[in-house]
């Protein structure tokens, strides 16, 4: 079964940090569609197709929980590595 690549939503209020994140994703050959928003309220609008995101389709459910949990773990490890690099 073929599935479409997942969209990536980045919530970041600091332009420099957003740029670093986008560069890191590109450097690691992440080709998923990427959307960025500035805060939690805007992220919720995006996820639930509200406000200026009302023309986009809402989140598709059900979500495979085990895949979701694995993704969250990998993201956490990625950010840990960024914030505490080995010397």
Protein backbone atom coordinates (compact mmCIF):
# COMPACT_ATOMS: atom_id res chain seq x y z
CA UNK A 1 0.00 0.00 0.00
CA UNK A 2 1.46 3.34 -1.05
CA UNK A 3 0.94 6.30 1.23
CA UNK A 4 1.68 9.95 0.74
CA UNK A 5 4.58 11.39 2.72
CA UNK A 6 3.48 13.02 5.96
CA UNK A 7 3.32 16.78 6.15
CA UNK A 8 5.62 18.37 8.71
CA UNK A 9 4.31 21.19 10.89
CA UNK A 10 6.96 23.31 12.60
CA UNK A 11 5.88 25.60 15.43
CA UNK A 12 8.62 28.20 15.94
CA UNK A 13 8.46 31.86 16.84
CA UNK A 14 12.11 32.69 16.23
CA UNK A 15 12.95 33.21 12.53
CA UNK A 16 16.61 32.19 12.96
CA UNK A 17 15.63 28.94 14.69
CA UNK A 18 13.10 28.21 11.96
CA UNK A 19 15.77 28.76 9.32
CA UNK A 20 18.20 26.44 11.14
CA UNK A 21 15.51 23.78 11.39
CA UNK A 22 14.65 24.03 7.70
CA UNK A 23 18.36 23.83 6.79
CA UNK A 24 18.80 20.74 8.97
CA UNK A 25 15.78 19.05 7.38
CA UNK A 26 17.07 19.85 3.89
CA UNK A 27 20.59 18.67 4.77
CA UNK A 28 19.11 15.36 5.91
CA UNK A 29 17.13 14.99 2.69
CA UNK A 30 13.70 15.45 4.23
CA UNK A 31 11.46 16.03 1.23
CA UNK A 32 8.11 16.17 3.03
CA UNK A 33 5.87 19.17 2.59
CA UNK A 34 6.70 21.59 5.42
CA UNK A 35 4.41 24.20 6.95
CA UNK A 36 5.52 26.55 9.69
CA UNK A 37 3.49 28.57 12.16
CA UNK A 38 4.55 30.97 14.91
CA UNK A 39 2.71 29.71 18.00
CA UNK A 40 0.43 27.10 19.52
CA UNK A 41 -2.77 28.95 18.66
CA UNK A 42 -1.76 29.13 15.01
CA UNK A 43 -0.77 25.43 15.11
CA UNK A 44 -4.23 24.50 16.39
CA UNK A 45 -5.83 26.59 13.65
CA UNK A 46 -3.70 24.70 11.12
CA UNK A 47 -4.52 21.27 12.56
CA UNK A 48 -8.25 21.94 12.80
CA UNK A 49 -8.56 24.01 9.58
CA UNK A 50 -9.63 27.22 11.33
CA UNK A 51 -8.79 30.89 10.76
CA UNK A 52 -6.66 31.55 7.69
CA UNK A 53 -6.17 27.77 7.33
CA UNK A 54 -9.90 27.14 6.88
CA UNK A 55 -9.41 26.16 3.24
CA UNK A 56 -7.15 23.20 4.08
CA UNK A 57 -8.33 19.68 4.84
CA UNK A 58 -8.39 18.76 8.52
CA UNK A 59 -6.21 16.09 10.12
CA UNK A 60 -6.94 12.62 8.81
CA UNK A 61 -7.69 10.00 11.46
CA UNK A 62 -7.16 7.34 12.62
CA UNK A 63 -3.47 7.77 13.27
CA UNK A 64 -1.32 4.69 13.71
CA UNK A 65 -0.33 5.25 17.34
CA UNK A 66 2.83 3.12 17.26
CA UNK A 67 4.17 5.01 14.23
CA UNK A 68 3.21 8.32 15.84
CA UNK A 69 4.97 7.39 19.11
CA UNK A 70 8.09 6.29 17.21
CA UNK A 71 8.14 9.58 15.29
CA UNK A 72 7.84 11.61 18.49
CA UNK A 73 10.70 9.64 20.05
CA UNK A 74 12.91 10.24 17.01
CA UNK A 75 12.09 13.96 17.02
CA UNK A 76 12.94 14.15 20.72
CA UNK A 77 16.29 12.46 20.13
CA UNK A 78 16.98 14.79 17.20
CA UNK A 79 16.33 17.90 19.30
CA UNK A 80 18.33 16.49 22.19
CA UNK A 81 21.27 16.06 19.81
CA UNK A 82 20.90 19.63 18.56
CA UNK A 83 20.72 21.11 22.04
CA UNK A 84 23.42 18.93 23.63
CA UNK A 85 25.95 18.07 20.92
CA UNK A 86 28.74 15.62 21.69
CA UNK A 87 32.22 17.07 21.74
